[in-house]
Amino acid sequence: MTTIDTDQYRALIQVILPKEIFDYFDLLKLEVNEQGIHAYLDEENIVPTGYENEKLISKGFHSSITIQDFPIRDKPLFLHVRRRRWQIESTGAVISRDWDIVAKGTRLTKDFATFLKGILG
């Protein structure tokens, strides 16, 4: 695949997936099957705001969570997300980025939950 093809596919994916995803996550894999569209995302290794002056030790990822977003072409879209965690060397505390794309009490993106709330009341 040429660079032009890759750039075009990336641009298309950025239109389809929630825009917040590309600020902090890498798209590892995209699968389309009978059950839906599955995007697998890992959080980038970017130090969370407020901890820039701390020595952080990477502690891998939290367990993957699955978030449902707007369907595409009558197929549900599922985001399989792994968030990073770090340990503050000086205190031993484990931290993660405060990420709020998920609507409280759901496994839906905020935009999709708002859309459904508007339709269903």
N, C-alpha and C. Protein backbone atom coordinates (compact mmCIF):
# COMPACT_ATOMS: atom_id res chain seq x y z
N MET A 1 0.85 -1.17 0.00
CA MET A 1 0.00 0.00 0.00
C MET A 1 0.90 1.24 0.00
N THR A 2 0.58 2.22 -0.80
CA THR A 2 1.38 3.43 -0.87
C THR A 2 1.03 4.37 0.27
N THR A 3 1.86 5.37 0.48
CA THR A 3 1.62 6.37 1.52
C THR A 3 0.32 7.12 1.26
N ILE A 4 0.04 7.40 -0.01
CA ILE A 4 -1.20 8.10 -0.35
C ILE A 4 -2.40 7.25 0.06
N ASP A 5 -2.38 5.94 -0.24
CA ASP A 5 -3.47 5.05 0.15
C ASP A 5 -3.62 5.03 1.68
N THR A 6 -2.52 4.91 2.38
CA THR A 6 -2.53 4.87 3.84
C THR A 6 -3.12 6.16 4.40
N ASP A 7 -2.71 7.30 3.88
CA ASP A 7 -3.22 8.59 4.33
C ASP A 7 -4.73 8.70 4.08
N GLN A 8 -5.19 8.20 2.94
CA GLN A 8 -6.62 8.26 2.63
C GLN A 8 -7.42 7.36 3.57
N TYR A 9 -6.92 6.17 3.85
CA TYR A 9 -7.62 5.28 4.77
C TYR A 9 -7.65 5.88 6.18
N ARG A 10 -6.54 6.46 6.60
CA ARG A 10 -6.50 7.09 7.93
C ARG A 10 -7.49 8.25 8.01
N ALA A 11 -7.58 9.06 6.96
CA ALA A 11 -8.52 10.17 6.95
C ALA A 11 -9.96 9.65 7.05
N LEU A 12 -10.27 8.58 6.35
CA LEU A 12 -11.61 7.99 6.40
C LEU A 12 -11.91 7.46 7.80
N ILE A 13 -11.00 6.77 8.40
CA ILE A 13 -11.19 6.23 9.75
C ILE A 13 -11.38 7.36 10.76
N GLN A 14 -10.64 8.46 10.59
CA GLN A 14 -10.79 9.59 11.51
C GLN A 14 -12.15 10.26 11.39
N VAL A 15 -12.81 10.15 10.26
CA VAL A 15 -14.16 10.68 10.09
C VAL A 15 -15.17 9.75 10.75
N ILE A 16 -14.92 8.47 10.72
CA ILE A 16 -15.87 7.47 11.22
C ILE A 16 -15.82 7.34 12.75
N LEU A 17 -14.63 7.29 13.32
CA LEU A 17 -14.48 7.10 14.76
C LEU A 17 -14.59 8.43 15.49
N PRO A 18 -14.96 8.40 16.79
CA PRO A 18 -15.04 9.66 17.56
C PRO A 18 -13.71 10.42 17.51
N LYS A 19 -13.81 11.74 17.31
CA LYS A 19 -12.59 12.54 17.12
C LYS A 19 -11.66 12.50 18.32
N GLU A 20 -12.21 12.33 19.54
CA GLU A 20 -11.39 12.30 20.75
C GLU A 20 -10.41 11.14 20.75
N ILE A 21 -10.76 10.08 20.05
CA ILE A 21 -9.93 8.88 20.01
C ILE A 21 -8.52 9.20 19.55
N PHE A 22 -8.40 10.02 18.53
CA PHE A 22 -7.09 10.24 17.91
C PHE A 22 -6.20 11.21 18.67
N ASP A 23 -6.73 11.82 19.75
CA ASP A 23 -5.90 12.66 20.60
C ASP A 23 -5.00 11.82 21.50
N TYR A 24 -5.50 10.66 21.91
CA TYR A 24 -4.77 9.88 22.92
C TYR A 24 -4.62 8.39 22.61
N PHE A 25 -5.19 7.91 21.52
CA PHE A 25 -5.17 6.47 21.26
C PHE A 25 -4.61 6.12 19.90
N ASP A 26 -3.99 4.95 19.83
CA ASP A 26 -3.52 4.38 18.57
C ASP A 26 -4.50 3.31 18.14
N LEU A 27 -4.89 3.34 16.88
CA LEU A 27 -5.74 2.29 16.33
C LEU A 27 -4.85 1.12 15.96
N LEU A 28 -5.05 -0.02 16.64
CA LEU A 28 -4.23 -1.20 16.41
C LEU A 28 -4.79 -2.07 15.30
N LYS A 29 -6.13 -2.18 15.29
CA LYS A 29 -6.75 -3.11 14.36
C LYS A 29 -8.19 -2.68 14.16
N LEU A 30 -8.71 -2.91 12.95
CA LEU A 30 -10.11 -2.66 12.64
C LEU A 30 -10.65 -3.91 11.97
N GLU A 31 -11.70 -4.50 12.57
CA GLU A 31 -12.31 -5.71 12.04
C GLU A 31 -13.76 -5.43 11.68
N VAL A 32 -14.19 -5.94 10.55
CA VAL A 32 -15.59 -5.86 10.16
C VAL A 32 -16.07 -7.29 9.96
N ASN A 33 -17.13 -7.66 10.71
CA ASN A 33 -17.69 -9.01 10.57
C ASN A 33 -19.20 -8.94 10.69
N GLU A 34 -19.85 -10.08 10.74
CA GLU A 34 -21.32 -10.12 10.80
C GLU A 34 -21.87 -9.43 12.05
N GLN A 35 -21.13 -9.49 13.15
CA GLN A 35 -21.60 -8.91 14.41
C GLN A 35 -21.42 -7.39 14.48
N GLY A 36 -20.57 -6.83 13.64
CA GLY A 36 -20.37 -5.38 13.66
C GLY A 36 -18.96 -4.98 13.27
N ILE A 37 -18.64 -3.74 13.61
CA ILE A 37 -17.32 -3.16 13.34
C ILE A 37 -16.62 -3.05 14.69
N HIS A 38 -15.41 -3.56 14.76
CA HIS A 38 -14.66 -3.58 16.01
C HIS A 38 -13.34 -2.84 15.80
N ALA A 39 -13.16 -1.76 16.57
CA ALA A 39 -11.92 -0.99 16.53
C ALA A 39 -11.17 -1.24 17.83
N TYR A 40 -9.92 -1.67 17.72
CA TYR A 40 -9.08 -1.99 18.88
C TYR A 40 -8.09 -0.85 19.08
N LEU A 41 -8.13 -0.24 20.28
CA LEU A 41 -7.36 0.98 20.55
C LEU A 41 -6.55 0.84 21.83
N ASP A 42 -5.30 1.30 21.78
CA ASP A 42 -4.44 1.38 22.97
C ASP A 42 -4.10 2.85 23.21
N GLU A 43 -4.14 3.25 24.48
CA GLU A 43 -3.79 4.62 24.84
C GLU A 43 -2.30 4.85 24.56
N GLU A 44 -1.99 6.00 23.98
CA GLU A 44 -0.59 6.35 23.72
C GLU A 44 0.14 6.59 25.03
N ASN A 45 1.45 6.47 25.01
CA ASN A 45 2.27 6.67 26.20
C ASN A 45 2.58 8.16 26.37
N ILE A 46 1.55 8.92 26.70
CA ILE A 46 1.66 10.37 26.92
C ILE A 46 1.35 10.62 28.39
N VAL A 47 2.24 11.31 29.08
CA VAL A 47 2.08 11.57 30.51
C VAL A 47 0.80 12.39 30.75
N PRO A 48 -0.04 11.97 31.70
CA PRO A 48 -1.26 12.71 32.00
C PRO A 48 -0.96 14.13 32.50
N THR A 49 -1.88 15.04 32.21
CA THR A 49 -1.76 16.43 32.65
C THR A 49 -1.63 16.48 34.17
N GLY A 50 -0.70 17.30 34.65
CA GLY A 50 -0.48 17.46 36.08
C GLY A 50 0.64 16.59 36.62
N TYR A 51 1.17 15.69 35.79
CA TYR A 51 2.23 14.78 36.24
C TYR A 51 3.51 14.94 35.42
N GLU A 52 3.62 16.04 34.70
CA GLU A 52 4.78 16.24 33.82
C GLU A 52 6.10 16.29 34.59
N ASN A 53 6.07 16.72 35.84
CA ASN A 53 7.30 16.84 36.62
C ASN A 53 7.59 15.63 37.51
N GLU A 54 6.77 14.61 37.39
CA GLU A 54 6.94 13.38 38.18
C GLU A 54 7.69 12.33 37.37
N LYS A 55 8.43 11.49 38.07
CA LYS A 55 9.05 10.33 37.44
C LYS A 55 8.01 9.22 37.45
N LEU A 56 7.55 8.81 36.26
CA LEU A 56 6.51 7.79 36.15
C LEU A 56 7.08 6.50 35.59
N ILE A 57 6.59 5.39 36.11
CA ILE A 57 6.98 4.07 35.64
C ILE A 57 5.76 3.44 34.97
N SER A 58 5.90 3.02 33.72
CA SER A 58 4.79 2.40 33.02
C SER A 58 4.41 1.10 33.71
N LYS A 59 3.12 0.92 33.93
CA LYS A 59 2.60 -0.30 34.55
C LYS A 59 1.65 -1.02 33.60
N GLY A 60 1.85 -0.79 32.30
CA GLY A 60 1.04 -1.50 31.32
C GLY A 60 -0.33 -0.88 31.13
N PHE A 61 -1.31 -1.76 30.96
CA PHE A 61 -2.67 -1.32 30.64
C PHE A 61 -3.67 -1.88 31.63
N HIS A 62 -4.79 -1.15 31.80
CA HIS A 62 -5.96 -1.69 32.49
C HIS A 62 -6.56 -2.74 31.56
N SER A 63 -7.49 -3.54 32.07
CA SER A 63 -8.22 -4.49 31.23
C SER A 63 -8.98 -3.71 30.16
N SER A 64 -9.14 -4.33 29.03
CA SER A 64 -9.86 -3.72 27.92
C SER A 64 -11.33 -3.52 28.28
N ILE A 65 -11.89 -2.38 27.86
CA ILE A 65 -13.33 -2.16 27.99
C ILE A 65 -13.90 -2.01 26.58
N THR A 66 -15.17 -2.30 26.44
CA THR A 66 -15.82 -2.18 25.14
C THR A 66 -16.89 -1.10 25.25
N ILE A 67 -16.84 -0.15 24.34
CA ILE A 67 -17.76 0.98 24.31
C ILE A 67 -18.49 0.93 22.97
N GLN A 68 -19.80 1.13 23.01
CA GLN A 68 -20.56 1.14 21.76
C GLN A 68 -20.74 2.58 21.29
N ASP A 69 -20.58 2.78 19.98
CA ASP A 69 -20.75 4.10 19.37
C ASP A 69 -21.81 3.98 18.28
N PHE A 70 -22.02 5.07 17.54
CA PHE A 70 -23.02 5.09 16.47
C PHE A 70 -22.82 3.94 15.50
N PRO A 71 -23.90 3.30 15.08
CA PRO A 71 -23.78 2.26 14.05
C PRO A 71 -23.33 2.88 12.72
N ILE A 72 -22.68 2.07 11.92
CA ILE A 72 -22.23 2.50 10.59
C ILE A 72 -22.76 1.49 9.59
N ARG A 73 -23.52 1.97 8.62
CA ARG A 73 -24.10 1.10 7.58
C ARG A 73 -24.82 -0.09 8.19
N ASP A 74 -25.64 0.20 9.21
CA ASP A 74 -26.46 -0.81 9.89
C ASP A 74 -25.64 -1.85 10.66
N LYS A 75 -24.38 -1.54 10.93
CA LYS A 75 -23.55 -2.42 11.76
C LYS A 75 -23.17 -1.66 13.03
N PRO A 76 -23.33 -2.28 14.19
CA PRO A 76 -22.90 -1.60 15.42
C PRO A 76 -21.38 -1.40 15.42
N LEU A 77 -20.95 -0.30 16.03
CA LEU A 77 -19.53 0.00 16.15
C LEU A 77 -19.12 -0.18 17.60
N PHE A 78 -18.13 -1.02 17.82
CA PHE A 78 -17.62 -1.28 19.16
C PHE A 78 -16.16 -0.83 19.24
N LEU A 79 -15.87 -0.03 20.25
CA LEU A 79 -14.50 0.42 20.50
C LEU A 79 -13.95 -0.41 21.66
N HIS A 80 -12.91 -1.17 21.39
CA HIS A 80 -12.26 -1.99 22.42
C HIS A 80 -11.03 -1.19 22.87
N VAL A 81 -11.10 -0.65 24.08
CA VAL A 81 -10.12 0.34 24.53
C VAL A 81 -9.30 -0.19 25.70
N ARG A 82 -7.98 -0.03 25.57
CA ARG A 82 -7.08 -0.33 26.70
C ARG A 82 -6.42 0.98 27.12
N ARG A 83 -6.66 1.36 28.40
CA ARG A 83 -6.07 2.58 28.95
C ARG A 83 -4.77 2.26 29.67
N ARG A 84 -3.83 3.17 29.59
CA ARG A 84 -2.54 2.99 30.28
C ARG A 84 -2.65 3.32 31.75
N ARG A 85 -1.70 2.82 32.49
CA ARG A 85 -1.54 3.19 33.89
C ARG A 85 -0.06 3.36 34.18
N TRP A 86 0.23 4.27 35.10
CA TRP A 86 1.60 4.57 35.49
C TRP A 86 1.69 4.58 37.01
N GLN A 87 2.88 4.34 37.50
CA GLN A 87 3.13 4.44 38.94
C GLN A 87 4.04 5.65 39.17
N ILE A 88 3.68 6.48 40.15
CA ILE A 88 4.54 7.60 40.52
C ILE A 88 5.66 7.03 41.37
N GLU A 89 6.88 7.18 40.88
CA GLU A 89 8.02 6.54 41.55
C GLU A 89 8.16 6.99 43.00
N SER A 90 7.97 8.28 43.28
CA SER A 90 8.21 8.80 44.63
C SER A 90 7.16 8.36 45.65
N THR A 91 5.92 8.10 45.22
CA THR A 91 4.86 7.75 46.18
C THR A 91 4.34 6.32 46.03
N GLY A 92 4.55 5.72 44.89
CA GLY A 92 4.02 4.38 44.63
C GLY A 92 2.57 4.39 44.16
N ALA A 93 1.95 5.58 44.11
CA ALA A 93 0.56 5.67 43.66
C ALA A 93 0.45 5.33 42.17
N VAL A 94 -0.62 4.63 41.81
CA VAL A 94 -0.87 4.28 40.41
C VAL A 94 -1.91 5.26 39.87
N ILE A 95 -1.59 5.84 38.70
CA ILE A 95 -2.47 6.84 38.10
C ILE A 95 -2.84 6.44 36.67
N SER A 96 -3.90 7.05 36.19
CA SER A 96 -4.34 6.91 34.80
C SER A 96 -4.87 8.27 34.36
N ARG A 97 -4.93 8.46 33.07
CA ARG A 97 -5.50 9.69 32.54
C ARG A 97 -7.00 9.71 32.85
N ASP A 98 -7.52 10.90 33.18
CA ASP A 98 -8.94 11.08 33.40
C ASP A 98 -9.60 11.20 32.03
N TRP A 99 -10.23 10.15 31.60
CA TRP A 99 -10.77 10.06 30.24
C TRP A 99 -12.27 9.94 30.34
N ASP A 100 -13.01 10.90 29.76
CA ASP A 100 -14.46 10.93 29.99
C ASP A 100 -15.29 10.88 28.71
N ILE A 101 -14.87 10.07 27.75
CA ILE A 101 -15.65 9.93 26.51
C ILE A 101 -16.88 9.05 26.73
N VAL A 102 -16.89 8.24 27.80
CA VAL A 102 -17.99 7.32 28.06
C VAL A 102 -19.04 8.02 28.92
N ALA A 103 -20.30 7.91 28.52
CA ALA A 103 -21.40 8.48 29.30
C ALA A 103 -21.52 7.72 30.62
N LYS A 104 -21.69 8.45 31.72
CA LYS A 104 -21.77 7.84 33.04
C LYS A 104 -22.88 6.80 33.10
N GLY A 105 -22.57 5.65 33.69
CA GLY A 105 -23.55 4.59 33.85
C GLY A 105 -23.84 3.78 32.60
N THR A 106 -23.05 3.99 31.54
CA THR A 106 -23.28 3.27 30.28
C THR A 106 -21.96 2.74 29.74
N ARG A 107 -22.05 2.05 28.65
CA ARG A 107 -20.89 1.64 27.86
C ARG A 107 -21.03 2.24 26.47
N LEU A 108 -21.61 3.46 26.43
CA LEU A 108 -21.83 4.18 25.17
C LEU A 108 -21.00 5.45 25.17
N THR A 109 -20.57 5.89 23.98
CA THR A 109 -19.91 7.19 23.92
C THR A 109 -20.92 8.26 24.32
N LYS A 110 -20.44 9.39 24.84
CA LYS A 110 -21.33 10.47 25.27
C LYS A 110 -22.22 10.93 24.12
N ASP A 111 -21.64 11.09 22.92
CA ASP A 111 -22.43 11.55 21.78
C ASP A 111 -23.54 10.57 21.45
N PHE A 112 -23.25 9.28 21.45
CA PHE A 112 -24.25 8.28 21.12
C PHE A 112 -25.33 8.23 22.20
N ALA A 113 -24.94 8.30 23.48
CA ALA A 113 -25.92 8.29 24.58
C ALA A 113 -26.83 9.51 24.49
N THR A 114 -26.28 10.68 24.17
CA THR A 114 -27.08 11.90 24.02
C THR A 114 -28.06 11.75 22.87
N PHE A 115 -27.59 11.19 21.78
CA PHE A 115 -28.45 10.95 20.61
C PHE A 115 -29.61 10.03 20.98
N LEU A 116 -29.33 8.92 21.65
CA LEU A 116 -30.37 7.97 22.04
C LEU A 116 -31.34 8.60 23.04
N LYS A 117 -30.81 9.37 23.95
CA LYS A 117 -31.67 10.04 24.94
C LYS A 117 -32.64 11.00 24.23
N GLY A 118 -32.15 11.69 23.21
CA GLY A 118 -33.00 12.61 22.44
C GLY A 118 -34.11 11.88 21.71
N ILE A 119 -33.82 10.70 21.20
CA ILE A 119 -34.82 9.92 20.46
C ILE A 119 -35.77 9.21 21.41
N LEU A 120 -35.21 8.59 22.44
CA LEU A 120 -36.02 7.76 23.33
C LEU A 120 -36.58 8.51 24.53
N GLY A 121 -36.04 9.70 24.77
CA GLY A 121 -36.54 10.51 25.89
C GLY A 121 -35.92 10.17 27.15
